[in-house]
């Protein structure tokens, strides 16, 4: 899985995460395995410990334009998320900052629409000063050179819509595990 994260010139999204801001948001473009030529534009919001995500699909060609700094096409969109990103590209000067690769193993439990993901081998394709190199070309290059970031731990994430069945809760209460808030974007920027 590959994402490119956007941030302001003063790294507002990164600083909000590192400082533990109660409300924070970040935008990313993401390629999903098996997603074909589509790229997802996503906005993640965390407020009072709760997370939410909005998503919109764009074409590979639109993503290449966006990552190359040509985003005028977005102002004609009927999609609210794309219009919001267009606005923030112009007002907050959001720009691509880091490419993040990792391997994801997903598990789905239909009751409650529970999604459990295990992410590992987190890698960055960005320069150490926070600039990712060659976004418009390299984001789509599966042979992009990357480096491992941070402690190589596996991240277990649980998402659900309505409820978590008891047997899933019991599985998650394994000894020697602790809950924490981890950002693959922050790892890539701090340790990449």
N, C-alpha and C. Protein backbone atom coordinates (compact mmCIF):
# COMPACT_ATOMS: atom_id res chain seq x y z
N UNK A 1 0.85 -1.16 0.00
CA UNK A 1 0.00 0.00 0.00
C UNK A 1 0.90 1.23 0.00
N UNK A 2 0.52 2.24 -0.75
CA UNK A 2 1.34 3.46 -0.84
C UNK A 2 0.46 4.68 -0.67
N UNK A 3 0.96 5.63 0.13
CA UNK A 3 0.27 6.91 0.33
C UNK A 3 1.28 8.04 0.18
N UNK A 4 0.78 9.18 -0.26
CA UNK A 4 1.57 10.41 -0.20
C UNK A 4 0.77 11.38 0.66
N UNK A 5 1.42 11.93 1.67
CA UNK A 5 0.77 12.82 2.62
C UNK A 5 1.06 14.27 2.28
N UNK A 6 0.06 15.11 2.49
CA UNK A 6 0.17 16.55 2.26
C UNK A 6 0.31 17.26 3.59
N UNK A 7 1.08 18.34 3.59
CA UNK A 7 1.21 19.16 4.80
C UNK A 7 1.52 20.58 4.38
N UNK A 8 1.41 21.48 5.33
CA UNK A 8 1.66 22.90 5.07
C UNK A 8 3.17 23.17 5.10
N UNK A 9 3.59 24.35 4.65
CA UNK A 9 5.02 24.68 4.69
C UNK A 9 5.60 24.61 6.11
N UNK A 10 4.76 24.87 7.12
CA UNK A 10 5.22 24.81 8.51
C UNK A 10 4.88 23.47 9.18
N UNK A 11 4.50 22.49 8.37
CA UNK A 11 4.24 21.13 8.86
C UNK A 11 3.16 21.07 9.95
N UNK A 12 2.04 21.73 9.69
CA UNK A 12 0.97 21.80 10.68
C UNK A 12 0.45 20.41 11.06
N UNK A 13 0.19 19.53 10.10
CA UNK A 13 -0.33 18.20 10.41
C UNK A 13 0.67 17.41 11.25
N UNK A 14 1.94 17.49 10.91
CA UNK A 14 2.97 16.79 11.67
C UNK A 14 3.07 17.36 13.08
N UNK A 15 3.10 18.67 13.21
CA UNK A 15 3.21 19.29 14.54
C UNK A 15 1.99 18.97 15.40
N UNK A 16 0.79 18.97 14.80
CA UNK A 16 -0.42 18.63 15.56
C UNK A 16 -0.33 17.21 16.11
N UNK A 17 0.18 16.28 15.31
CA UNK A 17 0.31 14.89 15.75
C UNK A 17 1.35 14.78 16.87
N UNK A 18 2.52 15.33 16.64
CA UNK A 18 3.61 15.23 17.62
C UNK A 18 3.22 15.90 18.95
N UNK A 19 2.49 17.02 18.86
CA UNK A 19 2.09 17.76 20.07
C UNK A 19 0.81 17.21 20.70
N UNK A 20 0.18 16.22 20.07
CA UNK A 20 -1.02 15.62 20.64
C UNK A 20 -2.24 16.53 20.60
N UNK A 21 -2.36 17.35 19.57
CA UNK A 21 -3.51 18.24 19.45
C UNK A 21 -4.81 17.44 19.52
N UNK A 22 -5.79 17.97 20.24
CA UNK A 22 -7.06 17.28 20.43
C UNK A 22 -7.82 17.12 19.11
N UNK A 23 -7.72 18.10 18.23
CA UNK A 23 -8.35 18.01 16.91
C UNK A 23 -7.27 18.18 15.86
N UNK A 24 -7.20 17.22 14.98
CA UNK A 24 -6.22 17.31 13.90
C UNK A 24 -6.76 16.64 12.65
N UNK A 25 -6.18 17.04 11.51
CA UNK A 25 -6.59 16.45 10.24
C UNK A 25 -5.38 16.32 9.33
N UNK A 26 -5.49 15.39 8.40
CA UNK A 26 -4.44 15.26 7.39
C UNK A 26 -5.08 14.74 6.11
N UNK A 27 -4.47 15.15 5.01
CA UNK A 27 -4.90 14.72 3.69
C UNK A 27 -3.84 13.83 3.08
N UNK A 28 -4.30 12.85 2.30
CA UNK A 28 -3.37 11.97 1.61
C UNK A 28 -3.98 11.50 0.31
N UNK A 29 -3.11 11.07 -0.59
CA UNK A 29 -3.51 10.35 -1.80
C UNK A 29 -3.03 8.93 -1.58
N UNK A 30 -3.87 7.95 -1.89
CA UNK A 30 -3.51 6.56 -1.57
C UNK A 30 -3.85 5.64 -2.74
N UNK A 31 -2.91 4.74 -3.01
CA UNK A 31 -3.13 3.66 -3.97
C UNK A 31 -3.42 2.39 -3.19
N UNK A 32 -4.58 1.81 -3.45
CA UNK A 32 -4.95 0.56 -2.80
C UNK A 32 -4.59 -0.61 -3.70
N UNK A 33 -4.12 -1.71 -3.13
CA UNK A 33 -3.85 -2.90 -3.96
C UNK A 33 -5.13 -3.31 -4.69
N UNK A 34 -4.99 -3.60 -5.96
CA UNK A 34 -6.15 -3.99 -6.75
C UNK A 34 -7.06 -2.84 -7.10
N UNK A 35 -6.63 -1.60 -6.82
CA UNK A 35 -7.46 -0.43 -7.08
C UNK A 35 -7.42 0.03 -8.52
N UNK A 36 -6.65 -0.66 -9.34
CA UNK A 36 -6.57 -0.29 -10.75
C UNK A 36 -5.95 1.08 -10.94
N UNK A 37 -6.55 1.84 -11.81
CA UNK A 37 -6.02 3.16 -12.15
C UNK A 37 -6.57 4.27 -11.25
N UNK A 38 -7.37 3.91 -10.25
CA UNK A 38 -7.95 4.92 -9.35
C UNK A 38 -7.03 5.20 -8.17
N UNK A 39 -7.07 6.43 -7.71
CA UNK A 39 -6.35 6.87 -6.53
C UNK A 39 -7.38 7.46 -5.59
N UNK A 40 -7.27 7.15 -4.31
CA UNK A 40 -8.18 7.70 -3.31
C UNK A 40 -7.57 8.95 -2.71
N UNK A 41 -8.35 10.01 -2.67
CA UNK A 41 -7.99 11.21 -1.90
C UNK A 41 -8.72 11.06 -0.58
N UNK A 42 -7.98 11.12 0.52
CA UNK A 42 -8.59 10.88 1.83
C UNK A 42 -8.25 11.99 2.80
N UNK A 43 -9.21 12.28 3.64
CA UNK A 43 -9.02 13.22 4.75
C UNK A 43 -9.31 12.45 6.02
N UNK A 44 -8.32 12.40 6.92
CA UNK A 44 -8.52 11.76 8.21
C UNK A 44 -8.61 12.86 9.27
N UNK A 45 -9.59 12.72 10.14
CA UNK A 45 -9.79 13.68 11.22
C UNK A 45 -9.81 12.91 12.53
N UNK A 46 -9.11 13.45 13.52
CA UNK A 46 -9.15 12.88 14.87
C UNK A 46 -9.57 13.99 15.82
N UNK A 47 -10.62 13.73 16.58
CA UNK A 47 -11.12 14.72 17.54
C UNK A 47 -11.62 14.00 18.78
N UNK A 48 -11.14 14.44 19.94
CA UNK A 48 -11.50 13.83 21.21
C UNK A 48 -11.27 12.32 21.21
N UNK A 49 -10.20 11.87 20.55
CA UNK A 49 -9.86 10.46 20.53
C UNK A 49 -10.63 9.64 19.50
N UNK A 50 -11.58 10.23 18.81
CA UNK A 50 -12.35 9.51 17.80
C UNK A 50 -11.86 9.88 16.41
N UNK A 51 -11.84 8.89 15.52
CA UNK A 51 -11.33 9.11 14.17
C UNK A 51 -12.45 9.03 13.15
N UNK A 52 -12.27 9.77 12.08
CA UNK A 52 -13.18 9.70 10.95
C UNK A 52 -12.40 9.85 9.67
N UNK A 53 -12.97 9.35 8.58
CA UNK A 53 -12.28 9.43 7.30
C UNK A 53 -13.30 9.71 6.20
N UNK A 54 -12.92 10.62 5.30
CA UNK A 54 -13.69 10.88 4.09
C UNK A 54 -12.81 10.48 2.92
N UNK A 55 -13.44 10.05 1.83
CA UNK A 55 -12.67 9.58 0.70
C UNK A 55 -13.36 9.94 -0.61
N UNK A 56 -12.55 10.20 -1.62
CA UNK A 56 -13.05 10.45 -2.98
C UNK A 56 -12.08 9.80 -3.95
N UNK A 57 -12.59 9.29 -5.04
CA UNK A 57 -11.76 8.64 -6.05
C UNK A 57 -11.44 9.62 -7.17
N UNK A 58 -10.19 9.58 -7.61
CA UNK A 58 -9.77 10.34 -8.78
C UNK A 58 -9.00 9.40 -9.70
N UNK A 59 -8.77 9.84 -10.93
CA UNK A 59 -8.04 9.02 -11.88
C UNK A 59 -6.53 9.14 -11.63
N UNK A 60 -5.79 8.23 -12.19
CA UNK A 60 -4.34 8.28 -12.11
C UNK A 60 -3.81 9.58 -12.72
N UNK A 61 -4.41 9.99 -13.84
CA UNK A 61 -3.98 11.22 -14.50
C UNK A 61 -4.24 12.44 -13.62
N UNK A 62 -5.40 12.48 -12.96
CA UNK A 62 -5.69 13.58 -12.04
C UNK A 62 -4.72 13.58 -10.86
N UNK A 63 -4.40 12.40 -10.34
CA UNK A 63 -3.45 12.31 -9.22
C UNK A 63 -2.07 12.80 -9.65
N UNK A 64 -1.65 12.44 -10.86
CA UNK A 64 -0.34 12.88 -11.34
C UNK A 64 -0.32 14.40 -11.45
N UNK A 65 -1.39 15.00 -11.94
CA UNK A 65 -1.47 16.46 -12.01
C UNK A 65 -1.40 17.08 -10.62
N UNK A 66 -2.20 16.55 -9.70
CA UNK A 66 -2.24 17.06 -8.33
C UNK A 66 -0.85 16.99 -7.68
N UNK A 67 -0.18 15.86 -7.80
CA UNK A 67 1.11 15.69 -7.15
C UNK A 67 2.21 16.49 -7.82
N UNK A 68 1.95 16.93 -9.05
CA UNK A 68 2.91 17.76 -9.77
C UNK A 68 2.60 19.26 -9.58
N UNK A 69 1.61 19.57 -8.71
CA UNK A 69 1.30 20.96 -8.39
C UNK A 69 0.25 21.60 -9.28
N UNK A 70 -0.40 20.82 -10.13
CA UNK A 70 -1.44 21.34 -11.02
C UNK A 70 -2.79 20.86 -10.52
N UNK A 71 -3.47 21.69 -9.74
CA UNK A 71 -4.71 21.27 -9.12
C UNK A 71 -5.91 22.13 -9.52
N UNK A 72 -5.78 22.97 -10.53
CA UNK A 72 -6.89 23.81 -10.97
C UNK A 72 -8.12 23.03 -11.37
N UNK A 73 -7.92 21.82 -11.88
CA UNK A 73 -9.04 20.98 -12.29
C UNK A 73 -9.99 20.68 -11.13
N UNK A 74 -9.49 20.75 -9.91
CA UNK A 74 -10.30 20.39 -8.74
C UNK A 74 -11.41 21.39 -8.47
N UNK A 75 -11.22 22.64 -8.85
CA UNK A 75 -12.24 23.66 -8.54
C UNK A 75 -13.54 23.41 -9.30
N UNK A 76 -13.51 22.58 -10.33
CA UNK A 76 -14.72 22.25 -11.11
C UNK A 76 -15.42 21.01 -10.56
N UNK A 77 -14.87 20.39 -9.53
CA UNK A 77 -15.42 19.14 -9.01
C UNK A 77 -16.73 19.39 -8.27
N UNK A 78 -17.60 18.39 -8.32
CA UNK A 78 -18.84 18.43 -7.55
C UNK A 78 -18.65 17.74 -6.19
N UNK A 79 -17.46 17.21 -5.94
CA UNK A 79 -17.18 16.49 -4.71
C UNK A 79 -16.68 17.44 -3.63
N UNK A 80 -17.37 17.45 -2.48
CA UNK A 80 -17.02 18.37 -1.39
C UNK A 80 -15.60 18.17 -0.87
N UNK A 81 -15.14 16.92 -0.78
CA UNK A 81 -13.79 16.66 -0.28
C UNK A 81 -12.74 17.21 -1.23
N UNK A 82 -12.93 17.03 -2.53
CA UNK A 82 -11.97 17.57 -3.49
C UNK A 82 -11.97 19.09 -3.48
N UNK A 83 -13.15 19.69 -3.28
CA UNK A 83 -13.21 21.15 -3.18
C UNK A 83 -12.51 21.65 -1.92
N UNK A 84 -12.66 20.91 -0.81
CA UNK A 84 -11.97 21.29 0.43
C UNK A 84 -10.46 21.18 0.26
N UNK A 85 -10.00 20.09 -0.36
CA UNK A 85 -8.56 19.95 -0.58
C UNK A 85 -8.06 21.06 -1.50
N UNK A 86 -8.80 21.36 -2.55
CA UNK A 86 -8.42 22.45 -3.46
C UNK A 86 -8.27 23.76 -2.68
N UNK A 87 -9.22 24.04 -1.80
CA UNK A 87 -9.17 25.25 -0.98
C UNK A 87 -7.92 25.25 -0.10
N UNK A 88 -7.61 24.13 0.53
CA UNK A 88 -6.47 24.08 1.44
C UNK A 88 -5.13 24.05 0.70
N UNK A 89 -5.13 23.57 -0.52
CA UNK A 89 -3.93 23.66 -1.34
C UNK A 89 -3.61 25.12 -1.62
N UNK A 90 -4.65 25.95 -1.71
CA UNK A 90 -4.47 27.35 -2.03
C UNK A 90 -4.35 28.26 -0.81
N UNK A 91 -5.04 27.93 0.28
CA UNK A 91 -5.01 28.80 1.46
C UNK A 91 -3.95 28.37 2.48
N UNK A 92 -3.86 27.07 2.75
CA UNK A 92 -2.87 26.56 3.71
C UNK A 92 -1.59 26.12 3.02
N UNK A 93 -1.59 26.19 1.70
CA UNK A 93 -0.44 25.83 0.87
C UNK A 93 0.01 24.39 1.10
N UNK A 94 -0.97 23.48 1.27
CA UNK A 94 -0.63 22.07 1.41
C UNK A 94 0.14 21.60 0.20
N UNK A 95 1.16 20.77 0.45
CA UNK A 95 1.98 20.20 -0.61
C UNK A 95 2.35 18.78 -0.22
N UNK A 96 2.69 17.93 -1.21
CA UNK A 96 3.15 16.58 -0.87
C UNK A 96 4.41 16.65 -0.01
N UNK A 97 4.45 15.83 1.05
CA UNK A 97 5.60 15.87 1.95
C UNK A 97 6.30 14.53 2.11
N UNK A 98 5.57 13.43 2.05
CA UNK A 98 6.22 12.13 2.27
C UNK A 98 5.43 11.03 1.60
N UNK A 99 6.16 10.12 0.99
CA UNK A 99 5.57 8.90 0.46
C UNK A 99 5.78 7.82 1.52
N UNK A 100 4.73 7.07 1.83
CA UNK A 100 4.81 6.01 2.82
C UNK A 100 4.31 4.71 2.20
N UNK A 101 5.12 3.69 2.29
CA UNK A 101 4.77 2.34 1.83
C UNK A 101 4.69 1.43 3.04
N UNK A 102 3.82 0.43 2.97
CA UNK A 102 3.78 -0.60 3.99
C UNK A 102 2.98 -1.79 3.49
N UNK A 103 3.12 -2.88 4.19
CA UNK A 103 2.37 -4.09 3.88
C UNK A 103 1.21 -4.17 4.85
N UNK A 104 0.01 -4.38 4.31
CA UNK A 104 -1.20 -4.46 5.14
C UNK A 104 -1.86 -5.82 4.97
N UNK A 105 -2.19 -6.42 6.11
CA UNK A 105 -3.00 -7.64 6.12
C UNK A 105 -4.35 -7.28 6.72
N UNK A 106 -5.41 -7.30 5.90
CA UNK A 106 -6.74 -6.93 6.41
C UNK A 106 -7.57 -8.15 6.81
N UNK A 107 -8.39 -7.98 7.83
CA UNK A 107 -9.33 -9.00 8.28
C UNK A 107 -10.66 -8.30 8.50
N UNK A 108 -11.75 -8.94 8.07
CA UNK A 108 -13.08 -8.33 8.18
C UNK A 108 -14.01 -9.26 8.93
N UNK A 109 -14.77 -8.67 9.84
CA UNK A 109 -15.81 -9.38 10.58
C UNK A 109 -17.12 -8.69 10.23
N UNK A 110 -18.00 -9.40 9.53
CA UNK A 110 -19.22 -8.75 9.03
C UNK A 110 -20.12 -8.19 10.14
N UNK A 111 -20.38 -8.93 11.23
CA UNK A 111 -21.20 -8.31 12.28
C UNK A 111 -20.52 -7.05 12.83
N UNK A 112 -21.16 -5.92 12.73
CA UNK A 112 -20.59 -4.65 13.19
C UNK A 112 -19.69 -4.01 12.17
N UNK A 113 -19.48 -4.68 11.04
CA UNK A 113 -18.55 -4.21 10.00
C UNK A 113 -17.20 -3.86 10.63
N UNK A 114 -16.61 -4.82 11.33
CA UNK A 114 -15.33 -4.63 12.01
C UNK A 114 -14.21 -4.93 11.01
N UNK A 115 -13.26 -3.99 10.91
CA UNK A 115 -12.08 -4.17 10.06
C UNK A 115 -10.85 -4.12 10.95
N UNK A 116 -10.10 -5.20 10.93
CA UNK A 116 -8.86 -5.27 11.68
C UNK A 116 -7.74 -5.33 10.65
N UNK A 117 -6.78 -4.42 10.80
CA UNK A 117 -5.65 -4.42 9.87
C UNK A 117 -4.35 -4.54 10.65
N UNK A 118 -3.42 -5.24 10.04
CA UNK A 118 -2.09 -5.40 10.60
C UNK A 118 -1.12 -4.81 9.58
N UNK A 119 -0.48 -3.70 9.94
CA UNK A 119 0.45 -3.00 9.06
C UNK A 119 1.87 -3.25 9.54
N UNK A 120 2.76 -3.55 8.58
CA UNK A 120 4.16 -3.82 8.93
C UNK A 120 5.07 -3.37 7.80
N UNK A 121 6.36 -3.39 8.06
CA UNK A 121 7.39 -2.99 7.10
C UNK A 121 7.11 -1.58 6.57
N UNK A 122 6.99 -0.64 7.48
CA UNK A 122 6.69 0.76 7.11
C UNK A 122 7.96 1.39 6.57
N UNK A 123 7.81 1.99 5.38
CA UNK A 123 8.96 2.54 4.66
C UNK A 123 8.60 3.92 4.12
N UNK A 124 9.61 4.74 3.92
CA UNK A 124 9.40 6.08 3.39
C UNK A 124 10.20 6.27 2.12
N UNK A 125 9.60 7.01 1.19
CA UNK A 125 10.29 7.37 -0.05
C UNK A 125 10.59 8.85 -0.08
N UNK A 126 10.57 9.50 1.07
CA UNK A 126 10.83 10.94 1.14
C UNK A 126 12.24 11.23 1.57
N UNK A 127 12.71 12.42 1.20
CA UNK A 127 14.04 12.85 1.62
C UNK A 127 14.03 13.17 3.11
N UNK A 128 15.18 13.15 3.75
CA UNK A 128 15.25 13.36 5.20
C UNK A 128 14.80 14.75 5.62
N UNK A 129 14.82 15.71 4.71
CA UNK A 129 14.37 17.05 5.08
C UNK A 129 12.86 17.20 4.90
N UNK A 130 12.15 16.09 4.64
CA UNK A 130 10.70 16.14 4.55
C UNK A 130 10.17 16.29 3.14
N UNK A 131 11.05 16.60 2.18
CA UNK A 131 10.58 16.68 0.80
C UNK A 131 10.59 15.28 0.21
N UNK A 132 9.48 14.88 -0.34
CA UNK A 132 9.49 13.61 -1.06
C UNK A 132 10.00 13.92 -2.46
N UNK A 133 10.69 13.00 -3.06
CA UNK A 133 11.29 13.28 -4.35
C UNK A 133 10.47 12.68 -5.48
N UNK A 134 10.36 13.42 -6.58
CA UNK A 134 9.73 12.92 -7.78
C UNK A 134 8.32 12.42 -7.63
N UNK A 135 7.46 13.16 -6.92
CA UNK A 135 6.12 12.67 -6.64
C UNK A 135 5.35 12.24 -7.88
N UNK A 136 5.28 13.10 -8.88
CA UNK A 136 4.40 12.79 -10.00
C UNK A 136 4.84 11.54 -10.73
N UNK A 137 6.12 11.26 -10.76
CA UNK A 137 6.61 10.04 -11.41
C UNK A 137 6.72 8.88 -10.42
N UNK A 138 7.34 9.12 -9.27
CA UNK A 138 7.69 8.03 -8.37
C UNK A 138 6.52 7.48 -7.56
N UNK A 139 5.47 8.24 -7.36
CA UNK A 139 4.32 7.74 -6.62
C UNK A 139 3.77 6.48 -7.30
N UNK A 140 3.87 6.42 -8.60
CA UNK A 140 3.35 5.28 -9.36
C UNK A 140 4.43 4.26 -9.70
N UNK A 141 5.65 4.51 -9.26
CA UNK A 141 6.76 3.62 -9.55
C UNK A 141 6.87 2.58 -8.43
N UNK A 142 6.52 1.34 -8.73
CA UNK A 142 6.57 0.29 -7.72
C UNK A 142 7.99 -0.05 -7.29
N UNK A 143 8.97 0.40 -8.05
CA UNK A 143 10.38 0.15 -7.71
C UNK A 143 11.01 1.35 -7.00
N UNK A 144 10.22 2.28 -6.52
CA UNK A 144 10.72 3.46 -5.82
C UNK A 144 11.61 3.04 -4.65
N UNK A 145 12.82 3.56 -4.57
CA UNK A 145 13.68 3.24 -3.41
C UNK A 145 13.06 3.80 -2.13
N UNK A 146 13.01 2.97 -1.09
CA UNK A 146 12.46 3.39 0.19
C UNK A 146 13.39 2.94 1.31
N UNK A 147 13.22 3.55 2.47
CA UNK A 147 13.98 3.17 3.65
C UNK A 147 13.02 2.87 4.79
N UNK A 148 13.40 1.93 5.64
CA UNK A 148 12.58 1.61 6.81
C UNK A 148 12.56 2.79 7.77
N UNK A 149 11.42 2.96 8.44
CA UNK A 149 11.30 4.08 9.38
C UNK A 149 10.94 3.57 10.77
N UNK A 150 11.46 4.25 11.78
CA UNK A 150 11.10 3.98 13.16
C UNK A 150 11.39 2.56 13.60
N UNK A 151 10.85 2.22 14.76
CA UNK A 151 10.95 0.86 15.27
C UNK A 151 10.08 -0.01 14.39
N UNK A 152 10.60 -1.13 13.95
CA UNK A 152 9.83 -2.00 13.07
C UNK A 152 8.88 -2.86 13.90
N UNK A 153 7.75 -2.27 14.18
CA UNK A 153 6.70 -2.96 14.93
C UNK A 153 5.52 -3.17 13.98
N UNK A 154 4.67 -4.08 14.32
CA UNK A 154 3.43 -4.28 13.56
C UNK A 154 2.35 -3.43 14.23
N UNK A 155 1.60 -2.71 13.41
CA UNK A 155 0.53 -1.88 13.92
C UNK A 155 -0.80 -2.57 13.69
N UNK A 156 -1.54 -2.78 14.76
CA UNK A 156 -2.85 -3.39 14.70
C UNK A 156 -3.88 -2.29 14.86
N UNK A 157 -4.76 -2.17 13.89
CA UNK A 157 -5.77 -1.12 13.92
C UNK A 157 -7.15 -1.76 13.83
N UNK A 158 -8.08 -1.28 14.63
CA UNK A 158 -9.43 -1.81 14.64
C UNK A 158 -10.39 -0.67 14.32
N UNK A 159 -11.23 -0.91 13.29
CA UNK A 159 -12.24 0.07 12.90
C UNK A 159 -13.58 -0.65 12.87
N UNK A 160 -14.63 0.04 13.27
CA UNK A 160 -15.95 -0.58 13.24
C UNK A 160 -17.01 0.48 13.05
N UNK A 161 -18.18 0.05 12.59
CA UNK A 161 -19.28 0.98 12.34
C UNK A 161 -20.27 1.01 13.49
N UNK A 162 -20.72 -0.16 13.96
CA UNK A 162 -21.80 -0.21 14.93
C UNK A 162 -21.36 -0.75 16.28
N UNK A 163 -20.71 -1.90 16.29
CA UNK A 163 -20.29 -2.53 17.53
C UNK A 163 -19.16 -3.51 17.22
N UNK A 164 -18.47 -3.93 18.28
CA UNK A 164 -17.43 -4.95 18.15
C UNK A 164 -17.93 -6.20 18.87
N UNK A 165 -18.05 -7.33 18.17
CA UNK A 165 -18.49 -8.57 18.84
C UNK A 165 -17.55 -8.95 19.98
N UNK A 166 -18.10 -9.58 21.01
CA UNK A 166 -17.32 -9.95 22.20
C UNK A 166 -16.08 -10.77 21.86
N UNK A 167 -16.21 -11.70 20.93
CA UNK A 167 -15.05 -12.56 20.62
C UNK A 167 -13.92 -11.75 19.99
N UNK A 168 -14.22 -10.67 19.27
CA UNK A 168 -13.17 -9.82 18.72
C UNK A 168 -12.52 -9.03 19.86
N UNK A 169 -13.31 -8.52 20.79
CA UNK A 169 -12.78 -7.79 21.95
C UNK A 169 -11.83 -8.69 22.73
N UNK A 170 -12.21 -9.95 22.95
CA UNK A 170 -11.36 -10.89 23.69
C UNK A 170 -10.05 -11.13 22.96
N UNK A 171 -10.11 -11.25 21.64
CA UNK A 171 -8.89 -11.44 20.86
C UNK A 171 -7.95 -10.24 20.99
N UNK A 172 -8.51 -9.05 21.13
CA UNK A 172 -7.71 -7.84 21.21
C UNK A 172 -7.08 -7.62 22.57
N UNK A 173 -7.53 -8.36 23.57
CA UNK A 173 -7.01 -8.20 24.93
C UNK A 173 -5.94 -9.23 25.22
N UNK A 174 -4.99 -9.31 24.32
CA UNK A 174 -3.87 -10.23 24.50
C UNK A 174 -2.85 -9.61 25.43
N UNK A 175 -2.25 -10.42 26.28
CA UNK A 175 -1.24 -9.92 27.22
C UNK A 175 -0.03 -9.33 26.51
N UNK A 176 0.60 -8.38 27.17
CA UNK A 176 1.81 -7.79 26.61
C UNK A 176 1.57 -6.80 25.49
N UNK A 177 0.35 -6.39 25.25
CA UNK A 177 0.05 -5.43 24.20
C UNK A 177 -0.40 -4.13 24.86
N UNK A 178 -0.16 -3.02 24.17
CA UNK A 178 -0.61 -1.74 24.71
C UNK A 178 -1.21 -0.91 23.59
N UNK A 179 -2.17 -0.10 23.95
CA UNK A 179 -2.79 0.80 22.98
C UNK A 179 -1.96 2.07 22.87
N UNK A 180 -1.82 2.55 21.64
CA UNK A 180 -1.10 3.80 21.44
C UNK A 180 -1.58 4.43 20.15
N UNK A 181 -1.24 5.68 19.99
CA UNK A 181 -1.60 6.41 18.78
C UNK A 181 -0.34 6.54 17.93
N UNK A 182 -0.34 5.90 16.77
CA UNK A 182 0.82 5.89 15.89
C UNK A 182 0.42 6.43 14.53
N UNK A 183 1.28 7.25 13.97
CA UNK A 183 1.05 7.81 12.65
C UNK A 183 2.18 7.37 11.72
N UNK A 184 1.81 6.66 10.67
CA UNK A 184 2.83 6.26 9.69
C UNK A 184 3.45 7.49 9.04
N UNK A 185 2.63 8.53 8.85
CA UNK A 185 3.15 9.80 8.28
C UNK A 185 4.20 10.40 9.22
N UNK A 186 3.90 10.50 10.51
CA UNK A 186 4.85 11.08 11.45
C UNK A 186 6.11 10.23 11.52
N UNK A 187 5.97 8.90 11.50
CA UNK A 187 7.15 8.05 11.51
C UNK A 187 8.03 8.32 10.30
N UNK A 188 7.40 8.46 9.14
CA UNK A 188 8.16 8.70 7.91
C UNK A 188 8.89 10.03 7.96
N UNK A 189 8.24 11.05 8.53
CA UNK A 189 8.86 12.38 8.59
C UNK A 189 9.93 12.46 9.67
N UNK A 190 9.72 11.83 10.82
CA UNK A 190 10.65 11.94 11.93
C UNK A 190 11.82 10.98 11.78
N UNK A 191 11.54 9.76 11.31
CA UNK A 191 12.58 8.73 11.25
C UNK A 191 13.04 8.41 9.84
N UNK A 192 12.38 8.99 8.82
CA UNK A 192 12.67 8.63 7.43
C UNK A 192 13.99 9.18 6.95
